[in-house]
Amino acid sequence: MTRPRIALFVLEALPNARAVRRFVEDHADDIAFVGLSNAERPNSGGLTGQVRRHLARSGPAFLPYLAVNFGLPDLLAPASGMLRRLTGARDETAATPLKALCRARGIPTLRVDDVNGPEVARAFAIHAPDLVLAFHFDQIFSAATLALAPLGGLNLHPGMLPRHRGPVPTIHALAEEVPDFGVTIHRLTAAIDKGAILAQEAPDLPVGITATGAAILLHERGRILLDRVLGALASGTLGEGMVPEPLPYCPFPDRVLLAGLARRGRKLVDGADLRAALGLNATV
């Protein structure tokens, strides 16, 4: 078969930003539209409501992780054009926020408040993608939404499924006695991270790496793994994959988990991650 037309859904943040920008550059001709999650959408309580929930569950120790992974990249994105000019990055793909990159490549974008709402359904009707692809996306697709794409959907998950199902797998991997990092490409289903596993890899990561640093590297490895899966899909050689027995869901961390990490000197973020967040939209 020919290469599928892709509906790409993303919450752009530090862990995935450079990897997904490179993916869009490489696959621009195959992308029907890009859905950009609105992290401050009203149905999630907005920014204030989300911060309150994180504080109640995780405590203030979680705030640096949220700031470095989400807050700083989002805050600095509007200044990206000026920053690229000042640093000499100009139009370098990895330094260009995804919305601006899509505009430059002629790819339609859509702000997504509800991935299962009428605006997204209209985008499917207009652009007729064959495949849904979630690349660090924070909303759950319904079965009806996935059915709008003839080939269903794929997800890039920076964890070794069926372990570490949920939004922050590298934190849960770091909390193990021996951290077990990995990345998985799997079929999307309406159940969170339970679809058939199509490809998986457990790369060696540096000793002492932070949860944030691991997520950045795993998204980049996942981008390469995803290219292989899409190639197999286009050639008709992609198998059905393996549906594993589900393991418990791993939610955002609570205070007990974070305290245990701190006692063992394991970090969610460090200075290198902060520098990466500050330079994300400025230079490669």
Protein backbone atom coordinates (compact mmCIF):
# COMPACT_ATOMS: atom_id res chain seq x y z
CA MET A 1 0.00 0.00 0.00
CA THR A 2 1.04 3.65 -0.28
CA ARG A 3 2.25 5.57 2.73
CA PRO A 4 -0.69 6.44 5.02
CA ARG A 5 -1.91 9.97 5.51
CA ILE A 6 -1.40 10.81 9.18
CA ALA A 7 -3.46 12.78 11.68
CA LEU A 8 -0.77 13.67 14.21
CA PHE A 9 -1.81 14.56 17.78
CA VAL A 10 0.71 16.21 20.09
CA LEU A 11 1.10 17.99 23.40
CA GLU A 12 4.33 19.79 22.63
CA ALA A 13 6.64 19.89 25.65
CA LEU A 14 10.31 19.44 26.47
CA PRO A 15 10.34 15.59 26.34
CA ASN A 16 8.97 15.29 22.81
CA ALA A 17 9.48 18.67 21.16
CA ARG A 18 12.64 18.18 19.15
CA ALA A 19 11.81 14.59 18.24
CA VAL A 20 8.33 15.44 16.97
CA ARG A 21 9.61 18.48 15.05
CA ARG A 22 12.10 16.24 13.24
CA PHE A 23 9.33 13.72 12.59
CA VAL A 24 7.13 16.42 11.04
CA GLU A 25 10.01 17.65 8.87
CA ASP A 26 10.70 14.12 7.65
CA HIS A 27 7.04 13.22 7.04
CA ALA A 28 5.57 16.59 6.02
CA ASP A 29 4.13 15.20 2.78
CA ASP A 30 2.32 12.43 4.67
CA ILE A 31 0.71 14.54 7.43
CA ALA A 32 -2.93 15.47 6.81
CA PHE A 33 -3.19 17.74 9.84
CA VAL A 34 -1.69 18.22 13.32
CA GLY A 35 -3.85 18.40 16.43
CA LEU A 36 -2.15 20.46 19.15
CA SER A 37 -3.50 19.75 22.62
CA ASN A 38 -4.53 22.79 24.62
CA ALA A 39 -2.94 22.00 27.97
CA GLU A 40 -5.03 24.74 29.61
CA ARG A 41 -8.35 23.54 28.20
CA PRO A 42 -11.38 24.29 30.38
CA ASN A 43 -12.49 20.66 30.68
CA SER A 44 -9.22 19.86 32.47
CA GLY A 45 -9.74 22.68 34.96
CA GLY A 46 -7.46 25.13 33.17
CA LEU A 47 -3.95 25.92 34.34
CA THR A 48 -5.02 26.85 37.87
CA GLY A 49 -7.08 23.72 38.35
CA GLN A 50 -4.31 21.46 37.09
CA VAL A 51 -1.69 23.05 39.35
CA ARG A 52 -3.98 22.65 42.35
CA ARG A 53 -4.51 18.97 41.59
CA HIS A 54 -0.79 18.35 41.19
CA LEU A 55 -0.05 20.16 44.46
CA ALA A 56 -2.69 18.18 46.31
CA ARG A 57 -1.43 14.84 45.02
CA SER A 58 2.30 15.33 44.53
CA GLY A 59 3.23 18.34 46.66
CA PRO A 60 5.55 21.23 45.79
CA ALA A 61 8.44 18.86 44.92
CA PHE A 62 6.66 18.19 41.62
CA LEU A 63 6.51 21.82 40.53
CA PRO A 64 10.09 22.05 39.12
CA TYR A 65 9.31 19.06 36.89
CA LEU A 66 6.15 20.72 35.59
CA ALA A 67 7.92 24.05 35.07
CA VAL A 68 10.86 22.61 33.15
CA ASN A 69 8.87 20.13 31.06
CA PHE A 70 5.85 22.27 30.26
CA GLY A 71 5.90 25.78 31.70
CA LEU A 72 9.17 27.18 30.33
CA PRO A 73 8.86 25.77 26.78
CA ASP A 74 5.32 27.12 26.53
CA LEU A 75 6.27 30.50 28.00
CA LEU A 76 9.22 31.00 25.64
CA ALA A 77 7.59 29.68 22.47
CA PRO A 78 6.14 33.06 21.39
CA ALA A 79 9.67 34.52 21.40
CA SER A 80 11.13 31.66 19.37
CA GLY A 81 11.55 33.65 16.15
CA MET A 82 13.55 36.36 17.86
CA LEU A 83 15.56 33.82 19.86
CA ARG A 84 16.46 31.86 16.72
CA ARG A 85 17.67 35.02 15.03
CA LEU A 86 19.74 36.01 18.07
CA THR A 87 21.33 32.57 18.40
CA GLY A 88 21.80 32.01 14.68
CA ALA A 89 19.48 29.01 14.55
CA ARG A 90 17.23 30.75 12.00
CA ASP A 91 14.84 28.15 10.58
CA GLU A 92 16.45 25.06 12.07
CA THR A 93 13.71 22.44 12.40
CA ALA A 94 14.54 21.34 15.94
CA ALA A 95 14.41 24.94 17.21
CA THR A 96 11.08 25.84 15.60
CA PRO A 97 7.86 25.41 17.63
CA LEU A 98 5.56 22.89 16.04
CA LYS A 99 2.77 25.29 15.06
CA ALA A 100 5.25 27.57 13.26
CA LEU A 101 6.95 24.60 11.60
CA CYS A 102 3.62 23.28 10.33
CA ARG A 103 2.68 26.69 8.98
CA ALA A 104 5.98 26.88 7.11
CA ARG A 105 5.43 23.39 5.64
CA GLY A 106 1.81 24.01 4.69
CA ILE A 107 0.39 21.54 7.23
CA PRO A 108 -2.98 22.46 8.76
CA THR A 109 -3.10 22.65 12.56
CA LEU A 110 -5.97 22.47 15.03
CA ARG A 111 -6.04 23.41 18.69
CA VAL A 112 -7.60 20.47 20.48
CA ASP A 113 -9.74 21.11 23.54
CA ASP A 114 -11.57 17.79 23.19
CA VAL A 115 -10.09 15.11 20.95
CA ASN A 116 -13.50 13.44 20.75
CA GLY A 117 -15.40 16.65 20.02
CA PRO A 118 -17.01 17.98 16.82
CA GLU A 119 -14.05 20.17 15.79
CA VAL A 120 -11.78 17.14 15.56
CA ALA A 121 -14.45 15.14 13.73
CA ARG A 122 -14.69 17.96 11.18
CA ALA A 123 -10.93 17.88 10.68
CA PHE A 124 -11.15 14.17 9.91
CA ALA A 125 -13.96 14.81 7.43
CA ILE A 126 -12.06 17.60 5.67
CA HIS A 127 -8.56 16.07 5.57
CA ALA A 128 -9.43 12.34 5.43
CA PRO A 129 -6.37 10.87 7.20
CA ASP A 130 -5.75 7.14 7.10
CA LEU A 131 -4.02 6.83 10.46
CA VAL A 132 -4.05 8.50 13.87
CA LEU A 133 -0.67 9.00 15.51
CA ALA A 134 -0.25 10.16 19.11
CA PHE A 135 3.23 11.50 19.87
CA HIS A 136 3.12 12.57 23.55
CA PHE A 137 -0.58 13.43 23.67
CA ASP A 138 -2.52 13.95 26.89
CA GLN A 139 -6.10 13.15 25.87
CA ILE A 140 -7.81 9.78 25.50
CA PHE A 141 -9.24 8.83 22.11
CA SER A 142 -12.67 7.25 22.09
CA ALA A 143 -13.34 4.19 19.96
CA ALA A 144 -15.57 6.34 17.75
CA THR A 145 -12.78 8.86 17.10
CA LEU A 146 -10.25 6.14 16.29
CA ALA A 147 -12.78 4.62 13.88
CA LEU A 148 -12.64 7.83 11.81
CA ALA A 149 -9.23 6.68 10.52
CA PRO A 150 -9.39 3.52 8.36
CA LEU A 151 -6.07 2.25 9.75
CA GLY A 152 -6.83 3.10 13.37
CA GLY A 153 -4.12 4.63 15.50
CA LEU A 154 -0.59 4.28 16.86
CA ASN A 155 0.98 5.69 20.02
CA LEU A 156 4.60 6.35 20.97
CA HIS A 157 4.96 5.58 24.68
CA PRO A 158 8.28 6.25 26.49
CA GLY A 159 8.01 3.15 28.65
CA MET A 160 8.25 -0.63 28.46
CA LEU A 161 4.61 -1.59 28.18
CA PRO A 162 2.73 -3.28 29.71
CA ARG A 163 4.72 -1.79 32.59
CA HIS A 164 4.43 1.90 33.39
CA ARG A 165 1.12 2.56 31.71
CA GLY A 166 0.20 6.19 32.18
CA PRO A 167 1.35 9.79 31.69
CA VAL A 168 4.85 9.80 33.26
CA PRO A 169 6.46 6.37 32.68
CA THR A 170 10.05 7.54 33.15
CA ILE A 171 9.27 8.68 36.71
CA HIS A 172 7.91 5.23 37.57
CA ALA A 173 10.86 3.54 35.86
CA LEU A 174 13.24 5.72 37.88
CA ALA A 175 11.47 4.69 41.09
CA GLU A 176 12.37 1.03 40.60
CA GLU A 177 15.37 -0.49 42.35
CA VAL A 178 17.03 -0.84 38.95
CA PRO A 179 15.46 1.67 36.55
CA ASP A 180 14.01 -0.09 33.52
CA PHE A 181 13.65 2.49 30.76
CA GLY A 182 12.30 1.77 27.31
CA VAL A 183 10.03 2.91 24.50
CA THR A 184 7.06 1.22 22.87
CA ILE A 185 5.06 1.72 19.68
CA HIS A 186 1.58 0.25 20.13
CA ARG A 187 -1.90 0.30 18.71
CA LEU A 188 -4.23 2.94 20.12
CA THR A 189 -7.38 1.73 21.84
CA ALA A 190 -9.94 3.47 24.01
CA ALA A 191 -8.24 1.82 27.02
CA ILE A 192 -5.09 3.63 28.15
CA ASP A 193 -1.85 2.05 26.86
CA LYS A 194 -3.43 -1.39 26.36
CA GLY A 195 -3.19 -1.80 22.59
CA ALA A 196 -1.13 -4.41 20.76
CA ILE A 197 2.62 -3.83 20.99
CA LEU A 198 4.17 -3.44 17.54
CA ALA A 199 7.77 -2.51 18.42
CA GLN A 200 9.79 -2.01 21.57
CA GLU A 201 13.31 -1.06 22.55
CA ALA A 202 15.22 -0.75 25.83
CA PRO A 203 18.22 1.48 25.04
CA ASP A 204 21.07 1.97 27.47
CA LEU A 205 20.71 5.37 29.10
CA PRO A 206 23.37 7.19 31.11
CA VAL A 207 23.68 6.26 34.78
CA GLY A 208 22.10 8.91 36.96
CA ILE A 209 19.88 10.29 34.22
CA THR A 210 16.83 12.27 35.32
CA ALA A 211 13.26 11.32 34.51
CA THR A 212 13.14 14.31 32.17
CA GLY A 213 16.42 13.46 30.45
CA ALA A 214 15.26 9.88 29.97
CA ALA A 215 11.99 11.04 28.41
CA ILE A 216 13.85 13.27 25.93
CA LEU A 217 16.15 10.45 24.81
CA LEU A 218 13.33 7.90 24.65
CA HIS A 219 11.17 10.10 22.45
CA GLU A 220 14.09 10.44 20.06
CA ARG A 221 14.63 6.67 20.04
CA GLY A 222 10.89 6.25 19.62
CA ARG A 223 10.92 8.51 16.57
CA ILE A 224 13.37 6.15 14.88
CA LEU A 225 11.38 3.10 15.95
CA LEU A 226 8.20 4.74 14.67
CA ASP A 227 9.76 5.24 11.23
CA ARG A 228 10.34 1.49 11.04
CA VAL A 229 6.75 0.72 12.02
CA LEU A 230 5.36 3.18 9.47
CA GLY A 231 7.62 1.68 6.81
CA ALA A 232 6.33 -1.81 7.60
CA LEU A 233 2.75 -0.51 7.52
CA ALA A 234 3.29 1.06 4.10
CA SER A 235 4.88 -2.12 2.73
CA GLY A 236 2.14 -4.35 4.10
CA THR A 237 4.55 -6.27 6.34
CA LEU A 238 3.40 -4.94 9.72
CA GLY A 239 2.08 -7.73 11.89
CA GLU A 240 -0.80 -7.65 14.32
CA GLY A 241 1.50 -7.21 17.29
CA MET A 242 1.24 -8.73 20.74
CA VAL A 243 -1.53 -7.85 23.19
CA PRO A 244 0.00 -8.17 26.67
CA GLU A 245 -1.71 -8.91 29.93
CA PRO A 246 -2.34 -5.44 31.38
CA LEU A 247 -0.45 -4.32 34.46
CA PRO A 248 -1.59 -1.65 36.92
CA TYR A 249 -1.94 1.92 35.71
CA CYS A 250 0.82 4.30 36.84
CA PRO A 251 -0.62 7.76 37.51
CA PHE A 252 1.12 11.02 38.26
CA PRO A 253 3.39 10.49 41.29
CA ASP A 254 2.22 11.01 44.84
CA ARG A 255 4.25 12.48 47.70
CA VAL A 256 5.40 9.07 48.91
CA LEU A 257 6.89 8.12 45.53
CA LEU A 258 8.65 11.47 45.18
CA ALA A 259 10.03 11.27 48.73
CA GLY A 260 11.45 7.83 47.95
CA LEU A 261 13.18 9.15 44.85
CA ALA A 262 14.67 12.03 46.82
CA ARG A 263 16.04 9.70 49.51
CA ARG A 264 17.90 7.72 46.85
CA GLY A 265 19.20 10.82 45.10
CA ARG A 266 17.16 10.20 41.95
CA LYS A 267 16.02 13.38 40.24
CA LEU A 268 13.10 14.38 38.09
CA VAL A 269 15.02 17.35 36.63
CA ASP A 270 18.48 18.89 36.89
CA GLY A 271 20.42 21.83 35.52
CA ALA A 272 20.94 20.19 32.14
CA ASP A 273 17.18 19.77 31.77
CA LEU A 274 16.64 23.41 32.70
CA ARG A 275 19.16 24.50 30.06
CA ALA A 276 17.42 22.28 27.51
CA ALA A 277 14.07 23.91 28.33
CA LEU A 278 15.53 27.40 28.06
CA GLY A 279 17.19 26.62 24.73
CA LEU A 280 14.41 24.54 23.20
CA ASN A 281 13.04 27.26 20.93
CA ALA A 282 16.33 29.06 20.38
CA THR A 283 19.10 26.82 19.15
CA VAL A 284 20.03 23.23 18.35
